[in-house]
């Protein structure tokens, strides 16, 4: 990815002429700082007020699409009137939209069983955390010493192996984590497309995120004539057209968007 962060002022200037804007953002590492334990993540100061202000602006359709469970991310953001997407968009809820992917719902019993087994298998690995999100599950190893990382991967794949063998689920990677998802053709890009088609078909589409799981949404935004914005250092390979250095710069960008009026 070419470092095109200096293009943000040009994009901002162009947005002043846009009658409708669809703005979707990831949560962790975008609206919140990255933290060692997922349960400790909170919105950066000022973000709640900025999201609420943008949400009241009829020019904007706002969405937060996270790998967290839907209720988890909506509670952590806590701003009414937004579209919330949980489990990478397998579930979506907000004004005018209530969606649950049917194949994901069918996989819930198997996902719960895998989560329970994994919690037992990883209990002796220092710092390893299992996050059950009903429709998906994640094993985090951000707090795990590096010499245990291979053991986390081995135990994770062993625990979820039966589901992989049947083709019911698939494994994806995230920042210092491994995720088990239903084996359905669905990701954040599909979720962004659904939101756009149903709620803002003529809007200029923007997606802001920091993780590998956000790449599909960057592509979806850009295929629609909009822009993806990667949050993080310039040496990371991303398909997003723009970059912001940090969640602090996301807050600054939200401030500038709110000033558009």
C-alpha atoms as a PDB file:
ATOM      1  CA  UNK A   1       0.000   0.000   0.000  1.00  0.00           C
ATOM      2  CA  UNK A   2       1.342   3.422  -0.915  1.00  0.00           C
ATOM      3  CA  UNK A   3       1.251   5.862   1.981  1.00  0.00           C
ATOM      4  CA  UNK A   4      -1.545   8.138   0.828  1.00  0.00           C
ATOM      5  CA  UNK A   5      -2.476   9.598   4.214  1.00  0.00           C
ATOM      6  CA  UNK A   6      -1.872  13.105   2.850  1.00  0.00           C
ATOM      7  CA  UNK A   7      -4.896  12.620   0.576  1.00  0.00           C
ATOM      8  CA  UNK A   8      -7.318  12.842   3.517  1.00  0.00           C
ATOM      9  CA  UNK A   9      -7.643  16.653   3.210  1.00  0.00           C
ATOM     10  CA  UNK A  10      -8.580  16.215  -0.466  1.00  0.00           C
ATOM     11  CA  UNK A  11     -11.180  13.584   0.397  1.00  0.00           C
ATOM     12  CA  UNK A  12     -12.548  15.789   3.181  1.00  0.00           C
ATOM     13  CA  UNK A  13     -12.891  18.707   0.776  1.00  0.00           C
ATOM     14  CA  UNK A  14     -14.768  16.506  -1.683  1.00  0.00           C
ATOM     15  CA  UNK A  15     -17.120  15.254   1.024  1.00  0.00           C
ATOM     16  CA  UNK A  16     -18.373  18.800   1.546  1.00  0.00           C
ATOM     17  CA  UNK A  17     -20.125  18.448  -1.831  1.00  0.00           C
ATOM     18  CA  UNK A  18     -21.621  15.006  -1.157  1.00  0.00           C
ATOM     19  CA  UNK A  19     -25.346  14.999  -0.318  1.00  0.00           C
ATOM     20  CA  UNK A  20     -25.196  11.511   1.265  1.00  0.00           C
ATOM     21  CA  UNK A  21     -22.324   9.766   3.049  1.00  0.00           C
ATOM     22  CA  UNK A  22     -22.233   6.206   4.399  1.00  0.00           C
ATOM     23  CA  UNK A  23     -19.552   6.003   7.073  1.00  0.00           C
ATOM     24  CA  UNK A  24     -18.781   2.575   8.551  1.00  0.00           C
ATOM     25  CA  UNK A  25     -16.071   1.871  11.095  1.00  0.00           C
ATOM     26  CA  UNK A  26     -14.493  -1.019  12.947  1.00  0.00           C
ATOM     27  CA  UNK A  27     -14.405  -0.797  16.752  1.00  0.00           C
ATOM     28  CA  UNK A  28     -11.205  -2.259  18.209  1.00  0.00           C
ATOM     29  CA  UNK A  29      -8.136  -0.339  17.073  1.00  0.00           C
ATOM     30  CA  UNK A  30     -10.279   2.203  15.266  1.00  0.00           C
ATOM     31  CA  UNK A  31     -12.865   3.737  17.587  1.00  0.00           C
ATOM     32  CA  UNK A  32     -11.025   2.312  20.584  1.00  0.00           C
ATOM     33  CA  UNK A  33      -7.365   1.820  21.345  1.00  0.00           C
ATOM     34  CA  UNK A  34      -5.970  -1.708  21.096  1.00  0.00           C
ATOM     35  CA  UNK A  35      -5.879  -3.216  24.590  1.00  0.00           C
ATOM     36  CA  UNK A  36      -4.392  -6.423  25.935  1.00  0.00           C
ATOM     37  CA  UNK A  37      -7.724  -7.851  27.106  1.00  0.00           C
ATOM     38  CA  UNK A  38     -10.798  -7.520  24.829  1.00  0.00           C
ATOM     39  CA  UNK A  39     -13.097  -6.810  27.758  1.00  0.00           C
ATOM     40  CA  UNK A  40     -11.092  -3.674  28.611  1.00  0.00           C
ATOM     41  CA  UNK A  41     -11.734  -1.885  25.299  1.00  0.00           C
ATOM     42  CA  UNK A  42     -13.649   1.400  25.478  1.00  0.00           C
ATOM     43  CA  UNK A  43     -14.423   4.230  23.079  1.00  0.00           C
ATOM     44  CA  UNK A  44     -11.765   6.901  22.863  1.00  0.00           C
ATOM     45  CA  UNK A  45     -12.736  10.122  24.634  1.00  0.00           C
ATOM     46  CA  UNK A  46     -14.988  12.268  22.480  1.00  0.00           C
ATOM     47  CA  UNK A  47     -15.971   9.530  20.030  1.00  0.00           C
ATOM     48  CA  UNK A  48     -19.425   8.937  21.498  1.00  0.00           C
ATOM     49  CA  UNK A  49     -20.378  12.594  21.153  1.00  0.00           C
ATOM     50  CA  UNK A  50     -18.946  12.769  17.628  1.00  0.00           C
ATOM     51  CA  UNK A  51     -20.794   9.642  16.484  1.00  0.00           C
ATOM     52  CA  UNK A  52     -24.004  10.961  17.996  1.00  0.00           C
ATOM     53  CA  UNK A  53     -23.560  14.311  16.242  1.00  0.00           C
ATOM     54  CA  UNK A  54     -22.880  12.648  12.885  1.00  0.00           C
ATOM     55  CA  UNK A  55     -25.795  10.281  13.442  1.00  0.00           C
ATOM     56  CA  UNK A  56     -28.162  13.232  13.817  1.00  0.00           C
ATOM     57  CA  UNK A  57     -26.963  14.712  10.549  1.00  0.00           C
ATOM     58  CA  UNK A  58     -29.331  13.565   7.751  1.00  0.00           C
ATOM     59  CA  UNK A  59     -26.413  13.514   5.306  1.00  0.00           C
ATOM     60  CA  UNK A  60     -24.784  10.650   7.176  1.00  0.00           C
ATOM     61  CA  UNK A  61     -25.641   6.976   7.588  1.00  0.00           C
ATOM     62  CA  UNK A  62     -23.386   5.575  10.324  1.00  0.00           C
ATOM     63  CA  UNK A  63     -22.441   1.950  11.000  1.00  0.00           C
ATOM     64  CA  UNK A  64     -20.048   0.173  13.340  1.00  0.00           C
ATOM     65  CA  UNK A  65     -19.099  -3.301  12.090  1.00  0.00           C
ATOM     66  CA  UNK A  66     -17.058  -5.395  14.494  1.00  0.00           C
ATOM     67  CA  UNK A  67     -15.798  -8.898  15.050  1.00  0.00           C
ATOM     68  CA  UNK A  68     -17.383  -8.675  18.498  1.00  0.00           C
ATOM     69  CA  UNK A  69     -20.844  -9.991  19.200  1.00  0.00           C
ATOM     70  CA  UNK A  70     -23.545  -7.520  18.214  1.00  0.00           C
ATOM     71  CA  UNK A  71     -24.748  -6.792  21.753  1.00  0.00           C
ATOM     72  CA  UNK A  72     -21.160  -6.389  22.924  1.00  0.00           C
ATOM     73  CA  UNK A  73     -20.201  -3.777  20.332  1.00  0.00           C
ATOM     74  CA  UNK A  74     -23.504  -1.906  20.565  1.00  0.00           C
ATOM     75  CA  UNK A  75     -23.162  -1.710  24.367  1.00  0.00           C
ATOM     76  CA  UNK A  76     -19.567  -0.505  24.155  1.00  0.00           C
ATOM     77  CA  UNK A  77     -20.383   2.230  21.636  1.00  0.00           C
ATOM     78  CA  UNK A  78     -23.695   3.055  23.295  1.00  0.00           C
ATOM     79  CA  UNK A  79     -24.884   5.584  20.705  1.00  0.00           C
ATOM     80  CA  UNK A  80     -28.517   5.108  19.650  1.00  0.00           C
ATOM     81  CA  UNK A  81     -29.611   5.376  16.043  1.00  0.00           C
ATOM     82  CA  UNK A  82     -26.529   3.763  14.461  1.00  0.00           C
ATOM     83  CA  UNK A  83     -26.334   0.532  12.480  1.00  0.00           C
ATOM     84  CA  UNK A  84     -24.430  -2.078  14.484  1.00  0.00           C
ATOM     85  CA  UNK A  85     -22.822  -5.142  12.935  1.00  0.00           C
ATOM     86  CA  UNK A  86     -21.546  -8.011  15.055  1.00  0.00           C
ATOM     87  CA  UNK A  87     -19.483 -11.093  14.252  1.00  0.00           C
ATOM     88  CA  UNK A  88     -18.030  -9.471  11.129  1.00  0.00           C
ATOM     89  CA  UNK A  89     -21.493  -8.536   9.897  1.00  0.00           C
ATOM     90  CA  UNK A  90     -23.184 -11.929  10.316  1.00  0.00           C
ATOM     91  CA  UNK A  91     -25.696  -9.981  12.411  1.00  0.00           C
ATOM     92  CA  UNK A  92     -26.815  -6.408  11.743  1.00  0.00           C
ATOM     93  CA  UNK A  93     -29.257  -4.221  13.641  1.00  0.00           C
ATOM     94  CA  UNK A  94     -30.319  -0.601  13.504  1.00  0.00           C
ATOM     95  CA  UNK A  95     -32.950   1.746  12.117  1.00  0.00           C
ATOM     96  CA  UNK A  96     -34.437   0.052   9.057  1.00  0.00           C
ATOM     97  CA  UNK A  97     -32.277  -3.056   9.271  1.00  0.00           C
ATOM     98  CA  UNK A  98     -32.451  -6.324  11.255  1.00  0.00           C
ATOM     99  CA  UNK A  99     -30.393  -9.151   9.755  1.00  0.00           C
ATOM    100  CA  UNK A 100     -29.065 -12.505  10.940  1.00  0.00           C
ATOM    101  CA  UNK A 101     -27.298 -14.768   8.466  1.00  0.00           C
ATOM    102  CA  UNK A 102     -29.340 -18.018   8.477  1.00  0.00           C
ATOM    103  CA  UNK A 103     -26.348 -20.338   8.078  1.00  0.00           C
ATOM    104  CA  UNK A 104     -24.607 -18.666  10.997  1.00  0.00           C
ATOM    105  CA  UNK A 105     -27.628 -19.154  13.219  1.00  0.00           C
ATOM    106  CA  UNK A 106     -27.660 -22.863  12.340  1.00  0.00           C
ATOM    107  CA  UNK A 107     -24.021 -23.213  13.447  1.00  0.00           C
ATOM    108  CA  UNK A 108     -24.586 -21.884  16.967  1.00  0.00           C
ATOM    109  CA  UNK A 109     -24.734 -25.243  18.830  1.00  0.00           C
ATOM    110  CA  UNK A 110     -21.476 -26.451  17.265  1.00  0.00           C
ATOM    111  CA  UNK A 111     -19.821 -23.088  17.965  1.00  0.00           C
ATOM    112  CA  UNK A 112     -20.800 -23.241  21.644  1.00  0.00           C
ATOM    113  CA  UNK A 113     -19.426 -26.781  21.981  1.00  0.00           C
ATOM    114  CA  UNK A 114     -16.125 -25.764  20.368  1.00  0.00           C
ATOM    115  CA  UNK A 115     -15.835 -22.755  22.657  1.00  0.00           C
ATOM    116  CA  UNK A 116     -16.327 -24.869  25.768  1.00  0.00           C
ATOM    117  CA  UNK A 117     -13.714 -27.401  24.654  1.00  0.00           C
ATOM    118  CA  UNK A 118     -11.222 -24.697  23.720  1.00  0.00           C
ATOM    119  CA  UNK A 119     -11.594 -22.974  27.088  1.00  0.00           C
ATOM    120  CA  UNK A 120     -10.548 -26.251  28.754  1.00  0.00           C
ATOM    121  CA  UNK A 121      -7.693 -26.926  26.336  1.00  0.00           C
ATOM    122  CA  UNK A 122      -6.168 -23.452  26.707  1.00  0.00           C
ATOM    123  CA  UNK A 123      -6.592 -23.051  30.444  1.00  0.00           C
ATOM    124  CA  UNK A 124      -2.925 -23.896  31.159  1.00  0.00           C
ATOM    125  CA  UNK A 125      -1.495 -21.578  28.465  1.00  0.00           C
ATOM    126  CA  UNK A 126      -0.399 -18.295  30.084  1.00  0.00           C
ATOM    127  CA  UNK A 127      -2.414 -15.328  28.853  1.00  0.00           C
ATOM    128  CA  UNK A 128      -4.561 -17.269  26.370  1.00  0.00           C
ATOM    129  CA  UNK A 129      -8.170 -16.071  26.270  1.00  0.00           C
ATOM    130  CA  UNK A 130     -11.228 -17.620  24.640  1.00  0.00           C
ATOM    131  CA  UNK A 131     -13.954 -15.198  23.586  1.00  0.00           C
ATOM    132  CA  UNK A 132     -17.261 -16.876  22.767  1.00  0.00           C
ATOM    133  CA  UNK A 133     -19.443 -14.657  20.574  1.00  0.00           C
ATOM    134  CA  UNK A 134     -22.240 -17.194  19.946  1.00  0.00           C
ATOM    135  CA  UNK A 135     -21.998 -17.018  16.157  1.00  0.00           C
ATOM    136  CA  UNK A 136     -18.172 -17.097  16.180  1.00  0.00           C
ATOM    137  CA  UNK A 137     -15.366 -17.666  18.655  1.00  0.00           C
ATOM    138  CA  UNK A 138     -11.896 -16.194  19.048  1.00  0.00           C
ATOM    139  CA  UNK A 139      -8.744 -17.365  20.797  1.00  0.00           C
ATOM    140  CA  UNK A 140      -6.612 -14.368  21.804  1.00  0.00           C
ATOM    141  CA  UNK A 141      -2.886 -14.686  22.535  1.00  0.00           C
ATOM    142  CA  UNK A 142      -1.820 -11.047  22.856  1.00  0.00           C
ATOM    143  CA  UNK A 143      -0.935 -11.705  26.518  1.00  0.00           C
ATOM    144  CA  UNK A 144       0.712 -15.048  25.804  1.00  0.00           C
ATOM    145  CA  UNK A 145       4.533 -15.289  25.798  1.00  0.00           C
ATOM    146  CA  UNK A 146       5.852 -15.926  22.270  1.00  0.00           C
ATOM    147  CA  UNK A 147       7.129 -19.404  23.108  1.00  0.00           C
ATOM    148  CA  UNK A 148       3.508 -20.517  23.612  1.00  0.00           C
ATOM    149  CA  UNK A 149       2.082 -19.136  20.347  1.00  0.00           C
ATOM    150  CA  UNK A 150       2.589 -22.382  18.429  1.00  0.00           C
ATOM    151  CA  UNK A 151       0.891 -24.303  21.234  1.00  0.00           C
ATOM    152  CA  UNK A 152      -2.124 -21.976  21.077  1.00  0.00           C
ATOM    153  CA  UNK A 153      -2.424 -22.555  17.338  1.00  0.00           C
ATOM    154  CA  UNK A 154      -2.069 -26.324  17.709  1.00  0.00           C
ATOM    155  CA  UNK A 155      -4.631 -26.585  20.490  1.00  0.00           C
ATOM    156  CA  UNK A 156      -7.027 -24.264  18.639  1.00  0.00           C
ATOM    157  CA  UNK A 157      -6.874 -26.292  15.435  1.00  0.00           C
ATOM    158  CA  UNK A 158      -7.218 -29.538  17.372  1.00  0.00           C
ATOM    159  CA  UNK A 159     -10.332 -28.275  19.192  1.00  0.00           C
ATOM    160  CA  UNK A 160     -12.058 -27.004  16.065  1.00  0.00           C
ATOM    161  CA  UNK A 161     -10.793 -29.782  13.778  1.00  0.00           C
ATOM    162  CA  UNK A 162     -14.077 -31.732  13.684  1.00  0.00           C
ATOM    163  CA  UNK A 163     -15.957 -28.632  12.517  1.00  0.00           C
ATOM    164  CA  UNK A 164     -13.345 -27.928   9.866  1.00  0.00           C
ATOM    165  CA  UNK A 165     -13.502 -31.530   8.673  1.00  0.00           C
ATOM    166  CA  UNK A 166     -17.257 -31.342   8.105  1.00  0.00           C
ATOM    167  CA  UNK A 167     -16.915 -28.036   6.257  1.00  0.00           C
ATOM    168  CA  UNK A 168     -19.253 -26.346   8.729  1.00  0.00           C
ATOM    169  CA  UNK A 169     -16.709 -23.758   9.848  1.00  0.00           C
ATOM    170  CA  UNK A 170     -13.483 -22.050   8.779  1.00  0.00           C
ATOM    171  CA  UNK A 171     -10.543 -20.434  10.550  1.00  0.00           C
ATOM    172  CA  UNK A 172      -9.389 -16.870   9.961  1.00  0.00           C
ATOM    173  CA  UNK A 173      -6.567 -14.823  11.467  1.00  0.00           C
ATOM    174  CA  UNK A 174      -6.808 -11.476  13.233  1.00  0.00           C
ATOM    175  CA  UNK A 175      -4.378  -9.374  15.257  1.00  0.00           C
ATOM    176  CA  UNK A 176      -2.827 -11.794  17.783  1.00  0.00           C
ATOM    177  CA  UNK A 177      -5.876 -14.025  17.516  1.00  0.00           C
ATOM    178  CA  UNK A 178      -7.388 -16.991  15.677  1.00  0.00           C
ATOM    179  CA  UNK A 179     -11.085 -17.018  14.858  1.00  0.00           C
ATOM    180  CA  UNK A 180     -13.593 -19.733  14.057  1.00  0.00           C
ATOM    181  CA  UNK A 181     -16.487 -18.671  11.845  1.00  0.00           C
ATOM    182  CA  UNK A 182     -19.309 -20.471  10.061  1.00  0.00           C
ATOM    183  CA  UNK A 183     -18.166 -21.523   6.599  1.00  0.00           C
ATOM    184  CA  UNK A 184     -20.431 -19.098   4.789  1.00  0.00           C
ATOM    185  CA  UNK A 185     -19.561 -16.670   2.031  1.00  0.00           C
ATOM    186  CA  UNK A 186     -19.917 -13.605   4.221  1.00  0.00           C
ATOM    187  CA  UNK A 187     -17.579 -10.962   5.586  1.00  0.00           C
ATOM    188  CA  UNK A 188     -17.523  -7.272   6.496  1.00  0.00           C
ATOM    189  CA  UNK A 189     -17.553  -6.306   2.828  1.00  0.00           C
ATOM    190  CA  UNK A 190     -20.834  -8.153   2.272  1.00  0.00           C
ATOM    191  CA  UNK A 191     -22.267  -6.516   5.383  1.00  0.00           C
ATOM    192  CA  UNK A 192     -21.249  -3.068   4.125  1.00  0.00           C
ATOM    193  CA  UNK A 193     -22.856  -3.787   0.752  1.00  0.00           C
ATOM    194  CA  UNK A 194     -26.089  -4.870   2.440  1.00  0.00           C
ATOM    195  CA  UNK A 195     -26.224  -1.686   4.503  1.00  0.00           C
ATOM    196  CA  UNK A 196     -25.544   0.430   1.433  1.00  0.00           C
ATOM    197  CA  UNK A 197     -28.090  -1.329  -0.804  1.00  0.00           C
ATOM    198  CA  UNK A 198     -30.869  -1.153   1.781  1.00  0.00           C
ATOM    199  CA  UNK A 199     -30.266   2.193   3.463  1.00  0.00           C
ATOM    200  CA  UNK A 200     -27.982   4.446   1.424  1.00  0.00           C
ATOM    201  CA  UNK A 201     -27.714   3.299  -2.202  1.00  0.00           C
ATOM    202  CA  UNK A 202     -26.631   6.724  -3.505  1.00  0.00           C
ATOM    203  CA  UNK A 203     -24.221   7.535  -0.678  1.00  0.00           C
ATOM    204  CA  UNK A 204     -20.474   8.009  -0.952  1.00  0.00           C
ATOM    205  CA  UNK A 205     -19.189   5.033   1.039  1.00  0.00           C
ATOM    206  CA  UNK A 206     -16.293   5.107   3.502  1.00  0.00           C
ATOM    207  CA  UNK A 207     -14.974   2.273   5.655  1.00  0.00           C
ATOM    208  CA  UNK A 208     -12.388   2.745   8.416  1.00  0.00           C
ATOM    209  CA  UNK A 209     -10.595  -0.179  10.061  1.00  0.00           C
ATOM    210  CA  UNK A 210      -7.267  -1.534  11.256  1.00  0.00           C
ATOM    211  CA  UNK A 211      -7.300  -5.313  10.797  1.00  0.00           C
ATOM    212  CA  UNK A 212      -6.984  -7.988   8.136  1.00  0.00           C
ATOM    213  CA  UNK A 213     -10.697  -8.653   8.626  1.00  0.00           C
ATOM    214  CA  UNK A 214     -11.388  -5.103   7.387  1.00  0.00           C
ATOM    215  CA  UNK A 215      -9.762  -5.608   3.991  1.00  0.00           C
ATOM    216  CA  UNK A 216     -12.968  -6.959   2.394  1.00  0.00           C
ATOM    217  CA  UNK A 217     -14.817  -3.849   3.560  1.00  0.00           C
ATOM    218  CA  UNK A 218     -12.126  -1.552   2.144  1.00  0.00           C
ATOM    219  CA  UNK A 219     -12.585  -3.283  -1.203  1.00  0.00           C
ATOM    220  CA  UNK A 220     -16.388  -3.102  -1.004  1.00  0.00           C
ATOM    221  CA  UNK A 221     -16.291   0.639  -0.287  1.00  0.00           C
ATOM    222  CA  UNK A 222     -13.869   1.275  -3.133  1.00  0.00           C
ATOM    223  CA  UNK A 223     -15.799  -0.919  -5.579  1.00  0.00           C
ATOM    224  CA  UNK A 224     -18.782   1.312  -4.827  1.00  0.00           C
ATOM    225  CA  UNK A 225     -16.784   4.412  -5.741  1.00  0.00           C
ATOM    226  CA  UNK A 226     -15.891   5.252  -2.169  1.00  0.00           C
ATOM    227  CA  UNK A 227     -12.769   4.867  -0.082  1.00  0.00           C
ATOM    228  CA  UNK A 228     -11.231   2.509   2.444  1.00  0.00           C
ATOM    229  CA  UNK A 229      -9.135   3.993   5.244  1.00  0.00           C
ATOM    230  CA  UNK A 230      -6.588   1.797   7.013  1.00  0.00           C
ATOM    231  CA  UNK A 231      -5.659   2.720  10.590  1.00  0.00           C
ATOM    232  CA  UNK A 232      -2.063   1.905  11.417  1.00  0.00           C
ATOM    233  CA  UNK A 233       1.578   2.203  10.368  1.00  0.00           C
ATOM    234  CA  UNK A 234       2.606   2.796   6.746  1.00  0.00           C
ATOM    235  CA  UNK A 235       4.615  -0.429   6.464  1.00  0.00           C
ATOM    236  CA  UNK A 236       1.504  -2.633   6.595  1.00  0.00           C
ATOM    237  CA  UNK A 237       0.261  -3.973   3.262  1.00  0.00           C
ATOM    238  CA  UNK A 238      -3.391  -2.963   2.814  1.00  0.00           C
ATOM    239  CA  UNK A 239      -5.762  -2.479  -0.085  1.00  0.00           C
ATOM    240  CA  UNK A 240      -7.166   0.708   1.434  1.00  0.00           C
ATOM    241  CA  UNK A 241      -6.582   3.866  -0.553  1.00  0.00           C
ATOM    242  CA  UNK A 242      -6.007   6.047   2.501  1.00  0.00           C
ATOM    243  CA  UNK A 243      -4.339   5.692   5.873  1.00  0.00           C
ATOM    244  CA  UNK A 244      -4.597   7.250   9.313  1.00  0.00           C
ATOM    245  CA  UNK A 245      -1.837   6.635  11.837  1.00  0.00           C
ATOM    246  CA  UNK A 246      -3.866   5.761  14.904  1.00  0.00           C
ATOM    247  CA  UNK A 247      -7.259   5.753  16.625  1.00  0.00           C
ATOM    248  CA  UNK A 248      -6.423   9.291  17.763  1.00  0.00           C
ATOM    249  CA  UNK A 249      -6.333  10.341  14.104  1.00  0.00           C
ATOM    250  CA  UNK A 250      -9.703   8.620  13.596  1.00  0.00           C
ATOM    251  CA  UNK A 251     -11.126  10.840  16.329  1.00  0.00           C
ATOM    252  CA  UNK A 252      -9.618  13.871  14.614  1.00  0.00           C
ATOM    253  CA  UNK A 253     -11.136  12.790  11.291  1.00  0.00           C
ATOM    254  CA  UNK A 254     -14.549  12.369  12.924  1.00  0.00           C
ATOM    255  CA  UNK A 255     -14.193  15.878  14.310  1.00  0.00           C
ATOM    256  CA  UNK A 256     -13.525  17.211  10.817  1.00  0.00           C
ATOM    257  CA  UNK A 257     -16.465  15.280   9.391  1.00  0.00           C
ATOM    258  CA  UNK A 258     -18.773  16.686  12.043  1.00  0.00           C
ATOM    259  CA  UNK A 259     -17.626  20.180  11.126  1.00  0.00           C
ATOM    260  CA  UNK A 260     -18.848  19.697   7.545  1.00  0.00           C
ATOM    261  CA  UNK A 261     -22.377  20.376   8.733  1.00  0.00           C
END
